[in-house]
Protein backbone atom coordinates (compact mmCIF):
# COMPACT_ATOMS: atom_id res chain seq x y z
CA MET A 1 74.45 115.09 130.60
CA LEU A 2 74.20 115.66 134.34
CA PRO A 3 73.07 119.29 134.80
CA THR A 4 75.63 121.43 136.57
CA VAL A 5 77.17 124.85 136.85
CA GLN A 6 80.64 124.45 135.40
CA THR A 7 83.26 126.59 137.10
CA ALA A 8 87.03 126.55 136.86
CA SER A 9 87.46 126.26 140.61
CA GLN A 10 85.40 123.08 140.72
CA THR A 11 87.14 121.31 137.86
CA GLY A 12 90.69 122.61 137.68
CA LEU A 13 90.39 122.72 133.92
CA VAL A 14 91.31 125.29 131.29
CA ARG A 15 90.06 128.86 131.55
CA PRO A 16 86.28 128.95 131.00
CA PHE A 17 84.14 131.28 128.96
CA ARG A 18 82.84 133.36 131.86
CA THR A 19 81.61 130.56 134.18
CA ARG A 20 81.54 127.88 131.47
CA ILE A 21 84.15 125.53 130.08
CA LEU A 22 83.86 125.89 126.33
CA TRP A 23 85.24 122.55 125.19
CA LEU A 24 82.93 120.67 127.56
CA ASP A 25 79.93 122.64 126.32
CA CYS A 26 80.91 121.91 122.70
CA LEU A 27 81.33 118.22 123.45
CA LYS A 28 77.92 118.04 125.14
CA VAL A 29 76.17 119.75 122.24
CA ILE A 30 77.83 117.56 119.61
CA SER A 31 77.11 114.46 121.70
CA ALA A 32 73.43 115.46 121.90
CA PHE A 33 73.40 115.77 118.10
CA MET A 34 75.01 112.34 117.79
CA ILE A 35 72.36 110.75 120.01
CA VAL A 36 69.67 112.13 117.71
CA SER A 37 71.63 110.62 114.81
CA ILE A 38 71.70 107.20 116.51
CA HIS A 39 67.93 107.12 116.97
CA THR A 40 67.28 108.44 113.48
CA SER A 41 69.46 105.94 111.64
CA GLY A 42 68.69 102.69 113.47
CA THR A 43 65.56 101.75 111.50
CA TYR A 44 67.21 102.00 108.09
CA PHE A 45 70.32 100.18 109.31
CA ASN A 46 68.22 97.22 110.47
CA GLN A 47 66.33 97.04 107.14
CA THR A 48 69.32 97.45 104.81
CA PRO A 49 70.42 94.25 102.98
CA LEU A 50 73.36 92.71 104.78
CA MET A 51 76.82 93.55 103.41
CA SER A 52 75.39 95.79 100.69
CA ARG A 53 76.99 99.14 99.94
CA SER A 54 74.19 100.89 101.83
CA TRP A 55 74.71 98.55 104.80
CA TRP A 56 78.35 99.51 105.06
CA GLY A 57 77.41 103.17 104.85
CA MET A 58 74.79 102.80 107.57
CA LEU A 59 77.21 100.83 109.75
CA LEU A 60 79.53 103.84 109.61
CA VAL A 61 76.65 106.26 110.25
CA ASN A 62 75.62 104.20 113.29
CA ALA A 63 79.14 103.73 114.65
CA VAL A 64 80.49 107.28 114.38
CA PRO A 65 78.00 108.79 116.92
CA ARG A 66 78.63 106.14 119.57
CA PHE A 67 81.07 108.23 121.57
CA ALA A 68 78.13 110.36 122.72
CA VAL A 69 76.87 108.56 125.85
CA PRO A 70 80.34 107.62 127.16
CA CYS A 71 81.38 111.26 126.72
CA PHE A 72 78.30 112.53 128.55
CA LEU A 73 79.15 110.33 131.53
CA MET A 74 82.87 111.16 131.46
CA VAL A 75 82.10 114.89 131.27
CA SER A 76 79.86 114.44 134.31
CA GLY A 77 82.75 112.72 136.08
CA ILE A 78 85.03 115.68 135.32
CA LEU A 79 82.47 118.11 136.71
CA TYR A 80 81.32 116.14 139.76
CA MET A 81 84.13 114.01 141.18
CA LYS A 82 86.08 116.97 142.59
CA ARG A 83 83.05 118.63 144.16
CA GLU A 84 82.43 118.57 147.88
CA PRO A 85 80.00 115.69 148.58
CA SER A 86 76.52 116.90 149.50
CA ILE A 87 73.72 114.45 150.24
CA ARG A 88 71.16 117.25 150.15
CA HIS A 89 72.28 118.48 146.73
CA SER A 90 72.42 114.95 145.30
CA PHE A 91 68.93 114.07 146.52
CA ARG A 92 67.62 117.35 145.14
CA GLN A 93 69.20 116.57 141.75
CA ALA A 94 67.82 113.02 141.82
CA GLY A 95 64.34 114.34 142.67
CA HIS A 96 64.52 116.90 139.87
CA THR A 97 65.58 114.21 137.39
CA ALA A 98 62.72 111.98 138.54
CA ILE A 99 60.22 114.80 137.95
CA VAL A 100 61.66 115.48 134.49
CA LEU A 101 61.52 111.77 133.64
CA LEU A 102 57.91 111.55 134.87
CA PHE A 103 56.95 114.66 132.89
CA TRP A 104 58.34 113.38 129.60
CA SER A 105 57.10 109.83 130.18
CA VAL A 106 53.55 111.13 130.63
CA ILE A 107 53.89 113.17 127.41
CA TYR A 108 54.98 110.04 125.54
CA ILE A 109 52.06 108.05 126.97
CA VAL A 110 49.56 110.76 126.01
CA ALA A 111 51.11 110.98 122.54
CA LYS A 112 50.67 107.24 122.11
CA LYS A 113 47.05 107.55 123.15
CA LEU A 114 46.19 110.50 120.90
CA LEU A 115 48.23 109.62 117.83
CA TRP A 116 48.26 105.82 117.77
CA HIS A 117 45.15 104.87 119.84
CA GLY A 118 46.94 103.22 122.69
CA PRO A 119 47.39 102.39 125.50
CA GLU A 120 43.76 102.01 126.58
CA ASP A 121 44.40 102.66 130.28
CA VAL A 122 46.57 105.77 130.52
CA VAL A 123 46.51 105.84 134.34
CA THR A 124 47.88 102.29 134.56
CA GLU A 125 50.66 103.16 132.13
CA ILE A 126 51.60 106.19 134.21
CA LEU A 127 51.75 104.04 137.36
CA LYS A 128 54.16 101.71 135.55
CA ILE A 129 56.69 104.50 134.89
CA PRO A 130 58.90 103.74 137.96
CA PHE A 131 59.18 100.10 136.85
CA SER A 132 59.46 100.26 133.05
CA GLN A 133 60.33 103.03 130.61
CA VAL A 134 57.69 104.18 128.13
CA THR A 135 60.25 104.11 125.32
CA LEU A 136 63.75 102.65 125.28
CA SER A 137 65.34 106.05 124.67
CA LEU A 138 64.33 107.18 128.18
CA TRP A 139 66.64 104.68 129.91
CA TYR A 140 69.21 107.40 130.57
CA GLY A 141 66.81 109.25 132.86
CA TYR A 142 66.58 106.21 135.14
CA ALA A 143 70.37 105.82 135.12
CA LEU A 144 70.80 109.48 136.12
CA ILE A 145 68.57 109.04 139.17
CA TRP A 146 70.74 106.19 140.46
CA LEU A 147 73.93 108.10 139.78
CA PHE A 148 72.66 111.17 141.64
CA LEU A 149 71.38 109.22 144.64
CA LEU A 150 74.80 107.69 145.24
CA MET A 151 76.92 110.60 143.99
CA PRO A 152 78.18 111.70 147.47
CA PHE A 153 79.60 108.23 148.04
CA TRP A 154 81.36 108.14 144.65
CA GLN A 155 82.72 111.66 145.19
CA LEU A 156 84.08 110.78 148.61
CA LEU A 157 85.59 107.57 147.27
CA TYR A 158 87.27 109.33 144.35
CA GLN A 159 88.70 112.07 146.54
CA THR A 160 90.14 109.74 149.18
CA ILE A 161 91.71 106.87 147.21
CA SER A 162 95.09 106.98 145.49
CA SER A 163 95.74 107.11 141.74
CA GLY A 164 96.61 103.41 141.70
CA GLN A 165 93.38 102.57 143.50
CA LYS A 166 91.44 104.68 140.99
CA CYS A 167 93.01 102.65 138.19
CA CYS A 168 91.92 99.45 139.93
CA PHE A 169 88.39 100.77 140.41
CA ILE A 170 88.11 101.74 136.73
CA ALA A 171 89.51 98.38 135.67
CA ILE A 172 87.15 96.37 137.90
CA THR A 173 83.96 98.34 137.21
CA LEU A 174 84.52 99.20 133.56
CA LEU A 175 87.46 97.74 131.62
CA PHE A 176 87.52 94.10 132.80
CA PRO A 177 83.75 93.64 132.32
CA ALA A 178 84.02 95.27 128.88
CA ILE A 179 86.90 92.98 127.87
CA LEU A 180 85.07 89.86 129.11
CA ASP A 181 81.92 91.01 127.32
CA TRP A 182 83.90 91.63 124.12
CA ALA A 183 85.52 88.18 124.23
CA GLY A 184 82.28 86.44 125.11
CA ARG A 185 80.41 87.96 122.21
CA LEU A 186 83.16 87.37 119.67
CA LEU A 187 83.67 83.75 120.72
CA SER A 188 79.96 83.07 121.39
CA LEU A 189 80.77 82.12 124.98
CA GLY A 190 77.46 82.86 126.63
CA ASN A 191 76.94 85.99 124.51
CA GLY A 192 78.77 88.28 126.92
CA GLY A 193 76.47 90.11 129.32
CA PHE A 194 79.10 91.86 131.47
CA ALA A 195 78.45 95.26 129.87
CA PRO A 196 74.68 95.89 129.73
CA PHE A 197 73.27 98.02 126.92
CA GLY A 198 71.09 100.95 128.04
CA SER A 199 70.64 99.80 131.63
CA ARG A 200 68.04 101.70 133.66
CA THR A 201 69.07 100.17 136.99
CA LEU A 202 72.10 100.76 139.21
CA CYS A 203 75.07 99.98 136.97
CA LEU A 204 78.67 100.13 138.22
CA ASN A 205 79.89 100.34 134.62
CA TYR A 206 78.45 103.86 134.45
CA VAL A 207 80.22 104.79 137.68
CA GLY A 208 83.41 103.52 136.06
CA LEU A 209 82.88 106.00 133.23
CA LEU A 210 82.45 108.83 135.75
CA PHE A 211 85.76 107.85 137.33
CA LEU A 212 87.44 107.44 133.94
CA GLY A 213 86.50 110.96 132.86
CA ALA A 214 87.77 112.53 136.09
CA PHE A 215 90.92 110.39 136.04
CA LEU A 216 91.78 111.31 132.44
CA ASN A 217 91.38 114.96 133.39
CA ASP A 218 93.71 114.54 136.36
CA ILE A 219 96.32 112.85 134.19
CA PHE A 220 96.31 115.20 131.21
CA ILE A 221 95.75 118.56 132.92
CA SER A 222 99.47 118.83 133.62
CA ARG A 223 100.65 117.39 130.30
CA PRO A 224 101.16 119.09 126.92
CA LYS A 225 98.10 119.32 124.71
CA LYS A 226 100.01 117.39 122.04
CA THR A 227 100.13 114.37 124.34
CA ALA A 228 96.37 114.51 124.83
CA ALA A 229 95.89 114.88 121.06
CA LEU A 230 98.05 111.83 120.31
CA CYS A 231 96.35 109.66 122.93
CA GLY A 232 92.96 110.94 121.80
CA PHE A 233 93.69 110.06 118.18
CA LEU A 234 94.86 106.56 119.12
CA GLY A 235 91.84 105.93 121.36
CA THR A 236 89.45 107.18 118.69
CA ALA A 237 91.07 105.17 115.90
CA VAL A 238 91.32 101.94 117.89
CA GLY A 239 87.85 102.20 119.43
CA LEU A 240 86.05 103.03 116.19
CA SER A 241 87.98 100.38 114.26
CA LEU A 242 87.13 97.69 116.82
CA MET A 243 83.50 98.77 116.70
CA LEU A 244 83.30 98.55 112.92
CA TRP A 245 85.23 95.29 112.70
CA GLY A 246 83.32 93.64 115.55
CA SER A 247 79.95 94.68 114.12
CA TRP A 248 80.93 93.32 110.70
CA TYR A 249 82.18 90.06 112.20
CA LEU A 250 79.02 89.40 114.23
CA ALA A 251 76.86 90.30 111.23
CA PHE A 252 78.89 87.97 109.01
CA VAL A 253 78.72 85.07 111.48
CA GLY A 254 75.08 85.54 112.46
CA GLN A 255 73.88 86.73 109.04
CA LYS A 256 71.94 89.59 110.57
CA THR A 257 72.67 93.17 111.52
CA SER A 258 74.16 93.37 115.01
CA HIS A 259 74.19 96.28 117.46
CA ASP A 260 76.19 94.35 120.08
CA PHE A 261 79.38 96.40 119.83
CA LEU A 262 77.63 99.76 119.59
CA GLY A 263 76.65 99.92 123.28
CA GLU A 264 77.88 102.78 125.48
CA ILE A 265 79.86 100.59 127.90
CA ARG A 266 81.15 98.03 125.44
CA LEU A 267 84.94 98.05 124.97
CA PRO A 268 85.01 99.85 121.58
CA ALA A 269 82.72 102.65 122.80
CA ILE A 270 84.80 103.18 125.95
CA LEU A 271 88.02 103.57 123.96
CA TYR A 272 86.27 105.68 121.32
CA GLY A 273 84.63 107.97 123.87
CA ALA A 274 87.85 108.45 125.83
CA GLY A 275 89.65 109.30 122.59
CA ILE A 276 87.08 111.90 121.57
CA LEU A 277 87.16 113.44 125.06
CA LEU A 278 90.94 113.86 124.85
CA LEU A 279 90.76 115.27 121.32
CA PHE A 280 88.28 117.93 122.42
CA TYR A 281 90.45 118.74 125.43
CA SER A 282 93.56 119.04 123.24
CA LEU A 283 91.76 121.59 121.04
CA SER A 284 90.30 123.58 123.94
CA GLU A 285 92.65 126.55 123.74
CA ILE A 286 92.39 126.75 119.93
CA GLY A 287 88.58 126.78 120.09
CA GLY A 288 88.65 129.45 122.78
CA ARG A 289 90.65 131.75 120.52
CA LEU A 290 88.85 131.05 117.25
CA PHE A 291 85.19 131.07 118.34
CA PRO A 292 83.56 134.51 118.55
CA SER A 293 81.54 135.29 121.65
CA GLY A 294 78.25 134.66 119.81
CA ILE A 295 79.24 131.09 118.96
CA LYS A 296 80.39 130.49 122.52
CA ALA A 297 77.09 131.79 123.87
CA ALA A 298 75.18 129.51 121.46
CA PHE A 299 77.11 126.44 122.63
CA TYR A 300 76.53 127.47 126.24
CA LYS A 301 72.78 127.74 125.70
CA LEU A 302 72.50 124.47 123.77
CA SER A 303 74.62 122.73 126.39
CA ARG A 304 72.21 123.78 129.12
CA LEU A 305 69.33 122.44 127.03
CA SER A 306 70.99 119.11 126.21
CA LEU A 307 68.78 117.26 128.71
CA GLY A 308 65.64 118.67 127.08
CA ILE A 309 66.94 117.79 123.62
CA TYR A 310 67.61 114.24 124.78
CA PHE A 311 64.17 113.70 126.31
CA SER A 312 62.20 115.34 123.48
CA HIS A 313 63.90 114.19 120.28
CA SER A 314 62.42 110.68 120.22
CA LEU A 315 58.91 112.15 120.43
CA ILE A 316 59.66 114.34 117.42
CA ILE A 317 60.98 111.31 115.53
CA TRP A 318 57.79 109.46 116.44
CA CYS A 319 55.58 112.27 115.19
CA ILE A 320 57.55 113.03 112.02
CA PRO A 321 58.85 109.70 110.65
CA GLU A 322 58.73 111.28 107.19
CA PHE A 323 59.26 114.90 106.26
CA ILE A 324 57.45 116.49 103.35
CA LEU A 325 58.04 120.08 102.25
CA GLY A 326 56.70 120.89 98.80
CA SER A 327 58.36 118.50 96.37
CA VAL A 328 60.92 117.39 98.98
CA PHE A 329 60.22 114.02 100.59
CA LEU A 330 62.51 112.61 103.27
CA SER A 331 62.18 109.24 105.00
CA ARG A 332 64.30 107.48 107.62
CA THR A 333 64.26 104.35 105.44
CA ALA A 334 64.97 106.00 102.07
CA GLY A 335 68.75 106.22 102.18
CA ILE A 336 71.82 107.58 103.95
CA LYS A 337 71.33 111.12 102.66
CA ASP A 338 67.74 111.24 103.95
CA VAL A 339 68.83 109.92 107.33
CA MET A 340 71.53 112.58 107.69
CA VAL A 341 69.23 115.43 106.65
CA LEU A 342 66.48 114.21 108.98
CA THR A 343 68.99 114.05 111.84
CA CYS A 344 69.66 117.77 111.37
CA ILE A 345 65.93 118.50 111.19
CA TYR A 346 65.13 116.48 114.32
CA PHE A 347 67.96 118.05 116.26
CA GLY A 348 66.93 121.54 115.16
CA LEU A 349 63.29 120.97 116.12
CA SER A 350 64.30 119.45 119.47
CA ALA A 351 66.62 122.37 120.22
CA CYS A 352 63.98 124.93 119.23
CA GLY A 353 61.34 123.17 121.32
CA ALA A 354 63.66 122.99 124.33
CA PHE A 355 64.57 126.67 123.92
CA PHE A 356 60.88 127.65 123.72
CA MET A 357 60.08 125.63 126.86
CA SER A 358 63.05 127.18 128.69
CA GLU A 359 61.45 130.60 128.22
CA ILE A 360 58.28 129.48 130.03
CA PRO A 361 58.86 129.43 133.81
CA VAL A 362 56.66 126.39 134.51
CA PHE A 363 58.49 124.29 131.90
CA LYS A 364 62.02 125.66 132.24
CA LYS A 365 63.16 122.97 134.68
CA MET A 366 61.90 120.25 132.33
CA VAL A 367 64.56 120.97 129.73
CA SER A 368 67.59 122.27 131.65
């Protein structure tokens, strides 16, 4: 979800739609939708009776979208790792992200004050923003700031080390911690802790995902699309299966719903996200031929607004926990069908709100 201008010369990827890379735009938009799905479905999943039919359905609904954050970071790795390092550009991007995070954090604080009569001291809450997020869903904004601040170093490192050294870096920063975390949680050996969930501080696991995305691109750009499709299918199947099985096992052992294996840098999510990335890449030429220009333009616009959709959707969920239209009543705790319909509504409202703000000069930078 790092904002960027995507050009073929910077990435070495397939031919873009004008200056965009269609499959990356599509993946970003679908990932943004999946993040809205995650935050819409969590409440009902936690309240559903363990091992009931609805619980199994909600486990699937919660697991399927979990490729979203790993894919956002891997896409950013594809777009950034081959760029010429620029401290000035990186600091400008970090400053912009900090302003966007501050803007949305203040909106959330004011919303809490006006709609739910708290907090009492708004100024104090605003001063706390650099040290603690207003809502858990804003963690990604903090992570982006750290990634941008150190981006020139990661770019220089990626461009100067060999392929074998890149493999070692990915293994040390991402795969080994994820495997240790997986084993620790399954065997109850200290409850893992090597792969933090939603970290808002400097996290090398996220850098590992940047490198993984760029490295997968380097490997598969010269290989047949069928190879990418096969590897993508295997990664998706294995990652999602491990996620479902691990979540069931921890729920069975602990007799409570567990989100431990749903995290963005846990082993199942890494494999799942890498698989989805390769599947989208393998279909890139097909999508370019089948999609009319209007659909391509829509994905391009939504992709540019993905940051605004991410920051705003939780506020919409806060304000509209239940949706009533005539005789239609939808609630996030009423069932799987309600959750899925509300996900579409929340995403649509977030996209419309971000589009409206993008047309107002003073707010444009807050959503794109």
